[in-house]
Amino acid sequence: MMKFEDLDVWKRSARLSAELFKVTRGIKDYNFRDQLTRSGLSVPSNIAEGHERGSLKDTIRFLYIAKASCGELRTQIYIGQEVGYIATEVSKQWVEETKIISKQLAGLIRTKRDFLKKAV
């Protein structure tokens, strides 16, 4: 069985999460920084948690949660840029990365759901 660490979407989201912590370290608005980093951390964490539960239904449920957190993160990035907390170029890169991650999650969800339907 594949480990969650082997999933490209997990690798990408974990890398992005680490980058969020590094780049936003200097933001004085603790509440904003905390919310941004927590939503970023939620994406790879939920991928891992769903994968480790062992049930296909649980895996799919946690992939949906990861995808929702990715949308939350993208929203916070837009707002962070608008208020001047995140540089425009960094914001554009992060938004693009969240879009890729979201598409990867949608594909993984679809694959898992199709497999579940065939198993029933």
PDB file of N, CA and C in Angstrom:
ATOM      1  N   MET A   1       0.840  -1.198   0.000  1.00  0.00           N
ATOM      2  CA  MET A   1       0.000   0.000   0.000  1.00  0.00           C
ATOM      3  C   MET A   1       0.876   1.250   0.000  1.00  0.00           C
ATOM      4  N   MET A   2       0.454   2.240  -0.752  1.00  0.00           N
ATOM      5  CA  MET A   2       1.200   3.497  -0.843  1.00  0.00           C
ATOM      6  C   MET A   2       1.126   4.271   0.467  1.00  0.00           C
ATOM      7  N   LYS A   3       2.245   4.883   0.840  1.00  0.00           N
ATOM      8  CA  LYS A   3       2.281   5.729   2.030  1.00  0.00           C
ATOM      9  C   LYS A   3       1.853   7.142   1.626  1.00  0.00           C
ATOM     10  N   PHE A   4       1.276   7.869   2.572  1.00  0.00           N
ATOM     11  CA  PHE A   4       0.849   9.235   2.242  1.00  0.00           C
ATOM     12  C   PHE A   4       2.039  10.100   1.851  1.00  0.00           C
ATOM     13  N   GLU A   5       3.212   9.784   2.388  1.00  0.00           N
ATOM     14  CA  GLU A   5       4.417  10.554   2.051  1.00  0.00           C
ATOM     15  C   GLU A   5       4.807  10.421   0.581  1.00  0.00           C
ATOM     16  N   ASP A   6       4.278   9.399  -0.090  1.00  0.00           N
ATOM     17  CA  ASP A   6       4.572   9.190  -1.510  1.00  0.00           C
ATOM     18  C   ASP A   6       3.643   9.986  -2.429  1.00  0.00           C
ATOM     19  N   LEU A   7       2.567  10.516  -1.876  1.00  0.00           N
ATOM     20  CA  LEU A   7       1.599  11.265  -2.682  1.00  0.00           C
ATOM     21  C   LEU A   7       2.150  12.645  -3.040  1.00  0.00           C
ATOM     22  N   ASP A   8       2.127  12.970  -4.327  1.00  0.00           N
ATOM     23  CA  ASP A   8       2.611  14.277  -4.775  1.00  0.00           C
ATOM     24  C   ASP A   8       1.837  15.415  -4.119  1.00  0.00           C
ATOM     25  N   VAL A   9       0.529  15.241  -3.967  1.00  0.00           N
ATOM     26  CA  VAL A   9      -0.295  16.298  -3.367  1.00  0.00           C
ATOM     27  C   VAL A   9       0.092  16.526  -1.904  1.00  0.00           C
ATOM     28  N   TRP A  10       0.458  15.466  -1.197  1.00  0.00           N
ATOM     29  CA  TRP A  10       0.906  15.629   0.190  1.00  0.00           C
ATOM     30  C   TRP A  10       2.247  16.365   0.213  1.00  0.00           C
ATOM     31  N   LYS A  11       3.170  15.976  -0.665  1.00  0.00           N
ATOM     32  CA  LYS A  11       4.492  16.623  -0.720  1.00  0.00           C
ATOM     33  C   LYS A  11       4.348  18.116  -1.015  1.00  0.00           C
ATOM     34  N   ARG A  12       3.533  18.438  -2.012  1.00  0.00           N
ATOM     35  CA  ARG A  12       3.339  19.848  -2.394  1.00  0.00           C
ATOM     36  C   ARG A  12       2.747  20.651  -1.252  1.00  0.00           C
ATOM     37  N   SER A  13       1.708  20.090  -0.628  1.00  0.00           N
ATOM     38  CA  SER A  13       1.025  20.836   0.437  1.00  0.00           C
ATOM     39  C   SER A  13       1.900  20.959   1.684  1.00  0.00           C
ATOM     40  N   ALA A  14       2.701  19.955   1.977  1.00  0.00           N
ATOM     41  CA  ALA A  14       3.613  20.033   3.124  1.00  0.00           C
ATOM     42  C   ALA A  14       4.701  21.080   2.865  1.00  0.00           C
ATOM     43  N   ARG A  15       5.199  21.112   1.632  1.00  0.00           N
ATOM     44  CA  ARG A  15       6.210  22.114   1.260  1.00  0.00           C
ATOM     45  C   ARG A  15       5.635  23.520   1.374  1.00  0.00           C
ATOM     46  N   LEU A  16       4.414  23.702   0.870  1.00  0.00           N
ATOM     47  CA  LEU A  16       3.763  25.013   0.947  1.00  0.00           C
ATOM     48  C   LEU A  16       3.545  25.407   2.404  1.00  0.00           C
ATOM     49  N   SER A  17       3.113  24.478   3.216  1.00  0.00           N
ATOM     50  CA  SER A  17       2.887  24.760   4.629  1.00  0.00           C
ATOM     51  C   SER A  17       4.171  25.237   5.308  1.00  0.00           C
ATOM     52  N   ALA A  18       5.268  24.559   5.056  1.00  0.00           N
ATOM     53  CA  ALA A  18       6.551  24.961   5.641  1.00  0.00           C
ATOM     54  C   ALA A  18       6.949  26.356   5.162  1.00  0.00           C
ATOM     55  N   GLU A  19       6.696  26.626   3.886  1.00  0.00           N
ATOM     56  CA  GLU A  19       7.022  27.938   3.322  1.00  0.00           C
ATOM     57  C   GLU A  19       6.190  29.043   3.973  1.00  0.00           C
ATOM     58  N   LEU A  20       4.929  28.753   4.250  1.00  0.00           N
ATOM     59  CA  LEU A  20       4.059  29.725   4.918  1.00  0.00           C
ATOM     60  C   LEU A  20       4.650  30.139   6.264  1.00  0.00           C
ATOM     61  N   PHE A  21       5.101  29.146   7.023  1.00  0.00           N
ATOM     62  CA  PHE A  21       5.695  29.441   8.334  1.00  0.00           C
ATOM     63  C   PHE A  21       6.944  30.302   8.184  1.00  0.00           C
ATOM     64  N   LYS A  22       7.794  29.953   7.236  1.00  0.00           N
ATOM     65  CA  LYS A  22       9.062  30.685   7.049  1.00  0.00           C
ATOM     66  C   LYS A  22       8.823  32.127   6.611  1.00  0.00           C
ATOM     67  N   VAL A  23       7.991  32.304   5.585  1.00  0.00           N
ATOM     68  CA  VAL A  23       7.810  33.628   4.973  1.00  0.00           C
ATOM     69  C   VAL A  23       7.008  34.574   5.861  1.00  0.00           C
ATOM     70  N   THR A  24       6.061  34.048   6.620  1.00  0.00           N
ATOM     71  CA  THR A  24       5.180  34.928   7.405  1.00  0.00           C
ATOM     72  C   THR A  24       5.688  35.156   8.832  1.00  0.00           C
ATOM     73  N   ARG A  25       6.834  34.624   9.134  1.00  0.00           N
ATOM     74  CA  ARG A  25       7.392  34.751  10.492  1.00  0.00           C
ATOM     75  C   ARG A  25       7.405  36.201  10.987  1.00  0.00           C
ATOM     76  N   GLY A  26       7.615  37.138  10.078  1.00  0.00           N
ATOM     77  CA  GLY A  26       7.725  38.543  10.470  1.00  0.00           C
ATOM     78  C   GLY A  26       6.403  39.292  10.573  1.00  0.00           C
ATOM     79  N   ILE A  27       5.303  38.665  10.226  1.00  0.00           N
ATOM     80  CA  ILE A  27       4.001  39.353  10.305  1.00  0.00           C
ATOM     81  C   ILE A  27       3.646  39.555  11.775  1.00  0.00           C
ATOM     82  N   LYS A  28       3.416  40.804  12.130  1.00  0.00           N
ATOM     83  CA  LYS A  28       3.142  41.155  13.530  1.00  0.00           C
ATOM     84  C   LYS A  28       1.718  40.784  13.970  1.00  0.00           C
ATOM     85  N   ASP A  29       0.806  40.713  13.006  1.00  0.00           N
ATOM     86  CA  ASP A  29      -0.580  40.369  13.307  1.00  0.00           C
ATOM     87  C   ASP A  29      -0.636  38.864  13.591  1.00  0.00           C
ATOM     88  N   TYR A  30      -0.503  38.527  14.867  1.00  0.00           N
ATOM     89  CA  TYR A  30      -0.422  37.119  15.273  1.00  0.00           C
ATOM     90  C   TYR A  30      -1.660  36.342  14.857  1.00  0.00           C
ATOM     91  N   ASN A  31      -2.845  36.935  15.027  1.00  0.00           N
ATOM     92  CA  ASN A  31      -4.083  36.220  14.695  1.00  0.00           C
ATOM     93  C   ASN A  31      -4.143  35.842  13.219  1.00  0.00           C
ATOM     94  N   PHE A  32      -3.768  36.779  12.353  1.00  0.00           N
ATOM     95  CA  PHE A  32      -3.766  36.496  10.920  1.00  0.00           C
ATOM     96  C   PHE A  32      -2.736  35.413  10.598  1.00  0.00           C
ATOM     97  N   ARG A  33      -1.532  35.599  11.087  1.00  0.00           N
ATOM     98  CA  ARG A  33      -0.447  34.638  10.809  1.00  0.00           C
ATOM     99  C   ARG A  33      -0.815  33.244  11.306  1.00  0.00           C
ATOM    100  N   ASP A  34      -1.391  33.172  12.501  1.00  0.00           N
ATOM    101  CA  ASP A  34      -1.787  31.894  13.079  1.00  0.00           C
ATOM    102  C   ASP A  34      -2.855  31.220  12.223  1.00  0.00           C
ATOM    103  N   GLN A  35      -3.859  31.975  11.807  1.00  0.00           N
ATOM    104  CA  GLN A  35      -4.937  31.415  10.989  1.00  0.00           C
ATOM    105  C   GLN A  35      -4.411  30.928   9.642  1.00  0.00           C
ATOM    106  N   LEU A  36      -3.543  31.715   9.025  1.00  0.00           N
ATOM    107  CA  LEU A  36      -2.957  31.362   7.731  1.00  0.00           C
ATOM    108  C   LEU A  36      -2.128  30.077   7.835  1.00  0.00           C
ATOM    109  N   THR A  37      -1.256  30.028   8.829  1.00  0.00           N
ATOM    110  CA  THR A  37      -0.392  28.855   8.957  1.00  0.00           C
ATOM    111  C   THR A  37      -1.193  27.623   9.376  1.00  0.00           C
ATOM    112  N   ARG A  38      -2.244  27.812  10.181  1.00  0.00           N
ATOM    113  CA  ARG A  38      -3.055  26.655  10.599  1.00  0.00           C
ATOM    114  C   ARG A  38      -3.856  26.088   9.432  1.00  0.00           C
ATOM    115  N   SER A  39      -4.404  26.946   8.580  1.00  0.00           N
ATOM    116  CA  SER A  39      -5.137  26.415   7.420  1.00  0.00           C
ATOM    117  C   SER A  39      -4.161  25.732   6.456  1.00  0.00           C
ATOM    118  N   GLY A  40      -2.966  26.298   6.312  1.00  0.00           N
ATOM    119  CA  GLY A  40      -1.947  25.663   5.469  1.00  0.00           C
ATOM    120  C   GLY A  40      -1.509  24.317   6.017  1.00  0.00           C
ATOM    121  N   LEU A  41      -1.367  24.235   7.318  1.00  0.00           N
ATOM    122  CA  LEU A  41      -0.961  22.998   7.986  1.00  0.00           C
ATOM    123  C   LEU A  41      -2.064  21.941   7.907  1.00  0.00           C
ATOM    124  N   SER A  42      -3.288  22.389   7.840  1.00  0.00           N
ATOM    125  CA  SER A  42      -4.433  21.488   7.794  1.00  0.00           C
ATOM    126  C   SER A  42      -4.468  20.641   6.520  1.00  0.00           C
ATOM    127  N   VAL A  43      -3.969  21.168   5.416  1.00  0.00           N
ATOM    128  CA  VAL A  43      -4.062  20.449   4.137  1.00  0.00           C
ATOM    129  C   VAL A  43      -3.267  19.136   4.181  1.00  0.00           C
ATOM    130  N   PRO A  44      -1.933  19.170   4.377  1.00  0.00           N
ATOM    131  CA  PRO A  44      -1.205  17.897   4.410  1.00  0.00           C
ATOM    132  C   PRO A  44      -1.580  17.036   5.616  1.00  0.00           C
ATOM    133  N   SER A  45      -1.953  17.674   6.716  1.00  0.00           N
ATOM    134  CA  SER A  45      -2.324  16.918   7.914  1.00  0.00           C
ATOM    135  C   SER A  45      -3.574  16.075   7.676  1.00  0.00           C
ATOM    136  N   ASN A  46      -4.567  16.645   7.000  1.00  0.00           N
ATOM    137  CA  ASN A  46      -5.794  15.899   6.725  1.00  0.00           C
ATOM    138  C   ASN A  46      -5.589  14.820   5.661  1.00  0.00           C
ATOM    139  N   ILE A  47      -4.710  15.077   4.706  1.00  0.00           N
ATOM    140  CA  ILE A  47      -4.369  14.034   3.731  1.00  0.00           C
ATOM    141  C   ILE A  47      -3.770  12.845   4.482  1.00  0.00           C
ATOM    142  N   ALA A  48      -2.832  13.132   5.369  1.00  0.00           N
ATOM    143  CA  ALA A  48      -2.171  12.069   6.140  1.00  0.00           C
ATOM    144  C   ALA A  48      -3.147  11.348   7.057  1.00  0.00           C
ATOM    145  N   GLU A  49      -3.969  12.104   7.766  1.00  0.00           N
ATOM    146  CA  GLU A  49      -4.896  11.488   8.708  1.00  0.00           C
ATOM    147  C   GLU A  49      -5.885  10.564   7.995  1.00  0.00           C
ATOM    148  N   GLY A  50      -6.446  11.033   6.897  1.00  0.00           N
ATOM    149  CA  GLY A  50      -7.380  10.201   6.146  1.00  0.00           C
ATOM    150  C   GLY A  50      -6.725   8.935   5.630  1.00  0.00           C
ATOM    151  N   HIS A  51      -5.514   9.066   5.151  1.00  0.00           N
ATOM    152  CA  HIS A  51      -4.775   7.922   4.609  1.00  0.00           C
ATOM    153  C   HIS A  51      -4.481   6.894   5.697  1.00  0.00           C
ATOM    154  N   GLU A  52      -4.155   7.374   6.879  1.00  0.00           N
ATOM    155  CA  GLU A  52      -3.769   6.487   7.979  1.00  0.00           C
ATOM    156  C   GLU A  52      -4.955   5.799   8.645  1.00  0.00           C
ATOM    157  N   ARG A  53      -6.151   6.285   8.416  1.00  0.00           N
ATOM    158  CA  ARG A  53      -7.326   5.683   9.056  1.00  0.00           C
ATOM    159  C   ARG A  53      -7.640   4.302   8.501  1.00  0.00           C
ATOM    160  N   GLY A  54      -7.233   4.040   7.285  1.00  0.00           N
ATOM    161  CA  GLY A  54      -7.398   2.700   6.738  1.00  0.00           C
ATOM    162  C   GLY A  54      -8.720   2.425   6.050  1.00  0.00           C
ATOM    163  N   SER A  55      -9.693   3.289   6.219  1.00  0.00           N
ATOM    164  CA  SER A  55     -10.997   3.116   5.581  1.00  0.00           C
ATOM    165  C   SER A  55     -11.082   4.040   4.373  1.00  0.00           C
ATOM    166  N   LEU A  56     -11.541   3.506   3.253  1.00  0.00           N
ATOM    167  CA  LEU A  56     -11.656   4.311   2.040  1.00  0.00           C
ATOM    168  C   LEU A  56     -12.629   5.475   2.242  1.00  0.00           C
ATOM    169  N   LYS A  57     -13.734   5.229   2.941  1.00  0.00           N
ATOM    170  CA  LYS A  57     -14.698   6.307   3.218  1.00  0.00           C
ATOM    171  C   LYS A  57     -14.057   7.411   4.056  1.00  0.00           C
ATOM    172  N   ASP A  58     -13.283   7.031   5.077  1.00  0.00           N
ATOM    173  CA  ASP A  58     -12.578   8.027   5.898  1.00  0.00           C
ATOM    174  C   ASP A  58     -11.547   8.785   5.075  1.00  0.00           C
ATOM    175  N   THR A  59     -10.833   8.068   4.227  1.00  0.00           N
ATOM    176  CA  THR A  59      -9.831   8.713   3.380  1.00  0.00           C
ATOM    177  C   THR A  59     -10.485   9.789   2.526  1.00  0.00           C
ATOM    178  N   ILE A  60     -11.594   9.442   1.889  1.00  0.00           N
ATOM    179  CA  ILE A  60     -12.307  10.397   1.035  1.00  0.00           C
ATOM    180  C   ILE A  60     -12.801  11.588   1.855  1.00  0.00           C
ATOM    181  N   ARG A  61     -13.362  11.324   3.025  1.00  0.00           N
ATOM    182  CA  ARG A  61     -13.866  12.403   3.891  1.00  0.00           C
ATOM    183  C   ARG A  61     -12.743  13.383   4.257  1.00  0.00           C
ATOM    184  N   PHE A  62     -11.583  12.854   4.629  1.00  0.00           N
ATOM    185  CA  PHE A  62     -10.474  13.726   5.014  1.00  0.00           C
ATOM    186  C   PHE A  62      -9.849  14.436   3.812  1.00  0.00           C
ATOM    187  N   LEU A  63      -9.929  13.845   2.635  1.00  0.00           N
ATOM    188  CA  LEU A  63      -9.463  14.542   1.428  1.00  0.00           C
ATOM    189  C   LEU A  63     -10.362  15.739   1.136  1.00  0.00           C
ATOM    190  N   TYR A  64     -11.672  15.584   1.367  1.00  0.00           N
ATOM    191  CA  TYR A  64     -12.590  16.720   1.218  1.00  0.00           C
ATOM    192  C   TYR A  64     -12.257  17.829   2.223  1.00  0.00           C
ATOM    193  N   ILE A  65     -11.923  17.449   3.437  1.00  0.00           N
ATOM    194  CA  ILE A  65     -11.548  18.438   4.456  1.00  0.00           C
ATOM    195  C   ILE A  65     -10.272  19.156   4.027  1.00  0.00           C
ATOM    196  N   ALA A  66      -9.297  18.401   3.513  1.00  0.00           N
ATOM    197  CA  ALA A  66      -8.050  19.012   3.033  1.00  0.00           C
ATOM    198  C   ALA A  66      -8.337  19.998   1.902  1.00  0.00           C
ATOM    199  N   LYS A  67      -9.238  19.626   0.993  1.00  0.00           N
ATOM    200  CA  LYS A  67      -9.581  20.503  -0.130  1.00  0.00           C
ATOM    201  C   LYS A  67     -10.259  21.781   0.374  1.00  0.00           C
ATOM    202  N   ALA A  68     -11.132  21.642   1.361  1.00  0.00           N
ATOM    203  CA  ALA A  68     -11.789  22.816   1.944  1.00  0.00           C
ATOM    204  C   ALA A  68     -10.763  23.729   2.614  1.00  0.00           C
ATOM    205  N   SER A  69      -9.814  23.140   3.321  1.00  0.00           N
ATOM    206  CA  SER A  69      -8.756  23.935   3.960  1.00  0.00           C
ATOM    207  C   SER A  69      -7.903  24.651   2.920  1.00  0.00           C
ATOM    208  N   CYS A  70      -7.726  24.028   1.778  1.00  0.00           N
ATOM    209  CA  CYS A  70      -6.955  24.648   0.694  1.00  0.00           C
ATOM    210  C   CYS A  70      -7.680  25.897   0.183  1.00  0.00           C
ATOM    211  N   GLY A  71      -8.999  25.833   0.079  1.00  0.00           N
ATOM    212  CA  GLY A  71      -9.787  27.002  -0.316  1.00  0.00           C
ATOM    213  C   GLY A  71      -9.721  28.098   0.733  1.00  0.00           C
ATOM    214  N   GLU A  72      -9.773  27.694   1.993  1.00  0.00           N
ATOM    215  CA  GLU A  72      -9.640  28.648   3.101  1.00  0.00           C
ATOM    216  C   GLU A  72      -8.280  29.342   3.030  1.00  0.00           C
ATOM    217  N   LEU A  73      -7.247  28.556   2.807  1.00  0.00           N
ATOM    218  CA  LEU A  73      -5.891  29.104   2.709  1.00  0.00           C
ATOM    219  C   LEU A  73      -5.787  30.093   1.555  1.00  0.00           C
ATOM    220  N   ARG A  74      -6.326  29.735   0.392  1.00  0.00           N
ATOM    221  CA  ARG A  74      -6.254  30.632  -0.763  1.00  0.00           C
ATOM    222  C   ARG A  74      -6.942  31.957  -0.457  1.00  0.00           C
ATOM    223  N   THR A  75      -8.083  31.911   0.219  1.00  0.00           N
ATOM    224  CA  THR A  75      -8.800  33.129   0.610  1.00  0.00           C
ATOM    225  C   THR A  75      -7.931  34.000   1.514  1.00  0.00           C
ATOM    226  N   GLN A  76      -7.283  33.388   2.486  1.00  0.00           N
ATOM    227  CA  GLN A  76      -6.428  34.136   3.417  1.00  0.00           C
ATOM    228  C   GLN A  76      -5.215  34.741   2.710  1.00  0.00           C
ATOM    229  N   ILE A  77      -4.709  34.045   1.715  1.00  0.00           N
ATOM    230  CA  ILE A  77      -3.585  34.586   0.934  1.00  0.00           C
ATOM    231  C   ILE A  77      -4.034  35.836   0.183  1.00  0.00           C
ATOM    232  N   TYR A  78      -5.213  35.766  -0.464  1.00  0.00           N
ATOM    233  CA  TYR A  78      -5.750  36.941  -1.165  1.00  0.00           C
ATOM    234  C   TYR A  78      -5.880  38.128  -0.201  1.00  0.00           C
ATOM    235  N   ILE A  79      -6.438  37.881   0.962  1.00  0.00           N
ATOM    236  CA  ILE A  79      -6.638  38.944   1.944  1.00  0.00           C
ATOM    237  C   ILE A  79      -5.295  39.458   2.464  1.00  0.00           C
ATOM    238  N   GLY A  80      -4.375  38.547   2.743  1.00  0.00           N
ATOM    239  CA  GLY A  80      -3.041  38.939   3.204  1.00  0.00           C
ATOM    240  C   GLY A  80      -2.323  39.838   2.216  1.00  0.00           C
ATOM    241  N   GLN A  81      -2.505  39.563   0.948  1.00  0.00           N
ATOM    242  CA  GLN A  81      -1.898  40.412  -0.076  1.00  0.00           C
ATOM    243  C   GLN A  81      -2.585  41.771  -0.109  1.00  0.00           C
ATOM    244  N   GLU A  82      -3.908  41.747  -0.042  1.00  0.00           N
ATOM    245  CA  GLU A  82      -4.690  42.985  -0.112  1.00  0.00           C
ATOM    246  C   GLU A  82      -4.337  43.950   1.017  1.00  0.00           C
ATOM    247  N   VAL A  83      -4.086  43.428   2.213  1.00  0.00           N
ATOM    248  CA  VAL A  83      -3.768  44.308   3.347  1.00  0.00           C
ATOM    249  C   VAL A  83      -2.266  44.592   3.477  1.00  0.00           C
ATOM    250  N   GLY A  84      -1.483  44.016   2.574  1.00  0.00           N
ATOM    251  CA  GLY A  84      -0.058  44.318   2.556  1.00  0.00           C
ATOM    252  C   GLY A  84       0.811  43.413   3.416  1.00  0.00           C
ATOM    253  N   TYR A  85       0.261  42.312   3.890  1.00  0.00           N
ATOM    254  CA  TYR A  85       1.046  41.367   4.708  1.00  0.00           C
ATOM    255  C   TYR A  85       1.905  40.438   3.846  1.00  0.00           C
ATOM    256  N   ILE A  86       1.417  40.153   2.626  1.00  0.00           N
ATOM    257  CA  ILE A  86       2.095  39.205   1.740  1.00  0.00           C
ATOM    258  C   ILE A  86       2.409  39.920   0.429  1.00  0.00           C
ATOM    259  N   ALA A  87       3.664  39.850   0.006  1.00  0.00           N
ATOM    260  CA  ALA A  87       4.089  40.480  -1.246  1.00  0.00           C
ATOM    261  C   ALA A  87       3.306  39.896  -2.419  1.00  0.00           C
ATOM    262  N   THR A  88       3.028  40.736  -3.405  1.00  0.00           N
ATOM    263  CA  THR A  88       2.219  40.341  -4.554  1.00  0.00           C
ATOM    264  C   THR A  88       2.780  39.117  -5.265  1.00  0.00           C
ATOM    265  N   GLU A  89       4.068  39.086  -5.522  1.00  0.00           N
ATOM    266  CA  GLU A  89       4.671  37.945  -6.232  1.00  0.00           C
ATOM    267  C   GLU A  89       4.542  36.658  -5.428  1.00  0.00           C
ATOM    268  N   VAL A  90       4.773  36.748  -4.134  1.00  0.00           N
ATOM    269  CA  VAL A  90       4.642  35.574  -3.257  1.00  0.00           C
ATOM    270  C   VAL A  90       3.197  35.112  -3.246  1.00  0.00           C
ATOM    271  N   SER A  91       2.291  36.069  -3.134  1.00  0.00           N
ATOM    272  CA  SER A  91       0.865  35.761  -3.125  1.00  0.00           C
ATOM    273  C   SER A  91       0.455  35.036  -4.402  1.00  0.00           C
ATOM    274  N   LYS A  92       0.910  35.528  -5.548  1.00  0.00           N
ATOM    275  CA  LYS A  92       0.568  34.896  -6.829  1.00  0.00           C
ATOM    276  C   LYS A  92       1.084  33.461  -6.882  1.00  0.00           C
ATOM    277  N   GLN A  93       2.298  33.238  -6.407  1.00  0.00           N
ATOM    278  CA  GLN A  93       2.871  31.880  -6.403  1.00  0.00           C
ATOM    279  C   GLN A  93       2.053  30.963  -5.495  1.00  0.00           C
ATOM    280  N   TRP A  94       1.719  31.442  -4.309  1.00  0.00           N
ATOM    281  CA  TRP A  94       0.967  30.630  -3.357  1.00  0.00           C
ATOM    282  C   TRP A  94      -0.447  30.333  -3.851  1.00  0.00           C
ATOM    283  N   VAL A  95      -1.088  31.333  -4.448  1.00  0.00           N
ATOM    284  CA  VAL A  95      -2.442  31.123  -4.994  1.00  0.00           C
ATOM    285  C   VAL A  95      -2.384  30.051  -6.082  1.00  0.00           C
ATOM    286  N   GLU A  96      -1.415  30.149  -6.967  1.00  0.00           N
ATOM    287  CA  GLU A  96      -1.272  29.154  -8.033  1.00  0.00           C
ATOM    288  C   GLU A  96      -1.030  27.764  -7.448  1.00  0.00           C
ATOM    289  N   GLU A  97      -0.199  27.695  -6.432  1.00  0.00           N
ATOM    290  CA  GLU A  97       0.098  26.404  -5.795  1.00  0.00           C
ATOM    291  C   GLU A  97      -1.164  25.825  -5.142  1.00  0.00           C
ATOM    292  N   THR A  98      -1.970  26.670  -4.494  1.00  0.00           N
ATOM    293  CA  THR A  98      -3.208  26.160  -3.879  1.00  0.00           C
ATOM    294  C   THR A  98      -4.189  25.672  -4.945  1.00  0.00           C
ATOM    295  N   LYS A  99      -4.190  26.309  -6.109  1.00  0.00           N
ATOM    296  CA  LYS A  99      -5.068  25.854  -7.196  1.00  0.00           C
ATOM    297  C   LYS A  99      -4.633  24.485  -7.705  1.00  0.00           C
ATOM    298  N   ILE A 100      -3.334  24.289  -7.837  1.00  0.00           N
ATOM    299  CA  ILE A 100      -2.802  22.992  -8.279  1.00  0.00           C
ATOM    300  C   ILE A 100      -3.133  21.915  -7.244  1.00  0.00           C
ATOM    301  N   ILE A 101      -2.894  22.224  -5.986  1.00  0.00           N
ATOM    302  CA  ILE A 101      -3.168  21.268  -4.901  1.00  0.00           C
ATOM    303  C   ILE A 101      -4.652  20.912  -4.879  1.00  0.00           C
ATOM    304  N   SER A 102      -5.503  21.896  -5.029  1.00  0.00           N
ATOM    305  CA  SER A 102      -6.948  21.673  -5.034  1.00  0.00           C
ATOM    306  C   SER A 102      -7.360  20.753  -6.188  1.00  0.00           C
ATOM    307  N   LYS A 103      -6.784  20.974  -7.372  1.00  0.00           N
ATOM    308  CA  LYS A 103      -7.071  20.110  -8.525  1.00  0.00           C
ATOM    309  C   LYS A 103      -6.573  18.691  -8.279  1.00  0.00           C
ATOM    310  N   GLN A 104      -5.392  18.569  -7.682  1.00  0.00           N
ATOM    311  CA  GLN A 104      -4.866  17.241  -7.374  1.00  0.00           C
ATOM    312  C   GLN A 104      -5.775  16.525  -6.374  1.00  0.00           C
ATOM    313  N   LEU A 105      -6.237  17.246  -5.373  1.00  0.00           N
ATOM    314  CA  LEU A 105      -7.136  16.654  -4.384  1.00  0.00           C
ATOM    315  C   LEU A 105      -8.449  16.218  -5.038  1.00  0.00           C
ATOM    316  N   ALA A 106      -8.989  17.056  -5.924  1.00  0.00           N
ATOM    317  CA  ALA A 106     -10.235  16.708  -6.624  1.00  0.00           C
ATOM    318  C   ALA A 106     -10.050  15.426  -7.433  1.00  0.00           C
ATOM    319  N   GLY A 107      -8.926  15.296  -8.110  1.00  0.00           N
ATOM    320  CA  GLY A 107      -8.640  14.090  -8.883  1.00  0.00           C
ATOM    321  C   GLY A 107      -8.502  12.866  -8.006  1.00  0.00           C
ATOM    322  N   LEU A 108      -7.829  13.024  -6.877  1.00  0.00           N
ATOM    323  CA  LEU A 108      -7.644  11.913  -5.941  1.00  0.00           C
ATOM    324  C   LEU A 108      -8.988  11.487  -5.341  1.00  0.00           C
ATOM    325  N   ILE A 109      -9.816  12.462  -4.998  1.00  0.00           N
ATOM    326  CA  ILE A 109     -11.156  12.173  -4.467  1.00  0.00           C
ATOM    327  C   ILE A 109     -11.968  11.398  -5.506  1.00  0.00           C
ATOM    328  N   ARG A 110     -11.941  11.871  -6.737  1.00  0.00           N
ATOM    329  CA  ARG A 110     -12.690  11.218  -7.815  1.00  0.00           C
ATOM    330  C   ARG A 110     -12.227   9.766  -7.999  1.00  0.00           C
ATOM    331  N   THR A 111     -10.922   9.556  -8.011  1.00  0.00           N
ATOM    332  CA  THR A 111     -10.362   8.209  -8.152  1.00  0.00           C
ATOM    333  C   THR A 111     -10.811   7.300  -7.014  1.00  0.00           C
ATOM    334  N   LYS A 112     -10.728   7.815  -5.793  1.00  0.00           N
ATOM    335  CA  LYS A 112     -11.112   7.018  -4.616  1.00  0.00           C
ATOM    336  C   LYS A 112     -12.613   6.731  -4.620  1.00  0.00           C
ATOM    337  N   ARG A 113     -13.413   7.725  -4.998  1.00  0.00           N
ATOM    338  CA  ARG A 113     -14.876   7.522  -5.046  1.00  0.00           C
ATOM    339  C   ARG A 113     -15.242   6.485  -6.095  1.00  0.00           C
ATOM    340  N   ASP A 114     -14.595   6.555  -7.271  1.00  0.00           N
ATOM    341  CA  ASP A 114     -14.857   5.583  -8.329  1.00  0.00           C
ATOM    342  C   ASP A 114     -14.488   4.178  -7.878  1.00  0.00           C
ATOM    343  N   PHE A 115     -13.369   4.059  -7.188  1.00  0.00           N
ATOM    344  CA  PHE A 115     -12.939   2.764  -6.673  1.00  0.00           C
ATOM    345  C   PHE A 115     -13.939   2.237  -5.647  1.00  0.00           C
ATOM    346  N   LEU A 116     -14.433   3.137  -4.793  1.00  0.00           N
ATOM    347  CA  LEU A 116     -15.405   2.759  -3.761  1.00  0.00           C
ATOM    348  C   LEU A 116     -16.696   2.269  -4.409  1.00  0.00           C
ATOM    349  N   LYS A 117     -17.154   2.948  -5.475  1.00  0.00           N
ATOM    350  CA  LYS A 117     -18.375   2.556  -6.162  1.00  0.00           C
ATOM    351  C   LYS A 117     -18.240   1.151  -6.769  1.00  0.00           C
ATOM    352  N   LYS A 118     -17.079   0.874  -7.328  1.00  0.00           N
ATOM    353  CA  LYS A 118     -16.839  -0.444  -7.939  1.00  0.00           C
ATOM    354  C   LYS A 118     -16.765  -1.539  -6.886  1.00  0.00           C
ATOM    355  N   ALA A 119     -16.319  -1.188  -5.704  1.00  0.00           N
ATOM    356  CA  ALA A 119     -16.156  -2.174  -4.620  1.00  0.00           C
ATOM    357  C   ALA A 119     -17.494  -2.560  -4.011  1.00  0.00           C
ATOM    358  N   VAL A 120     -18.499  -1.696  -4.184  1.00  0.00           N
ATOM    359  CA  VAL A 120     -19.810  -1.955  -3.557  1.00  0.00           C
ATOM    360  C   VAL A 120     -20.681  -2.846  -4.402  1.00  0.00           C
TER     361      VAL A 120
END
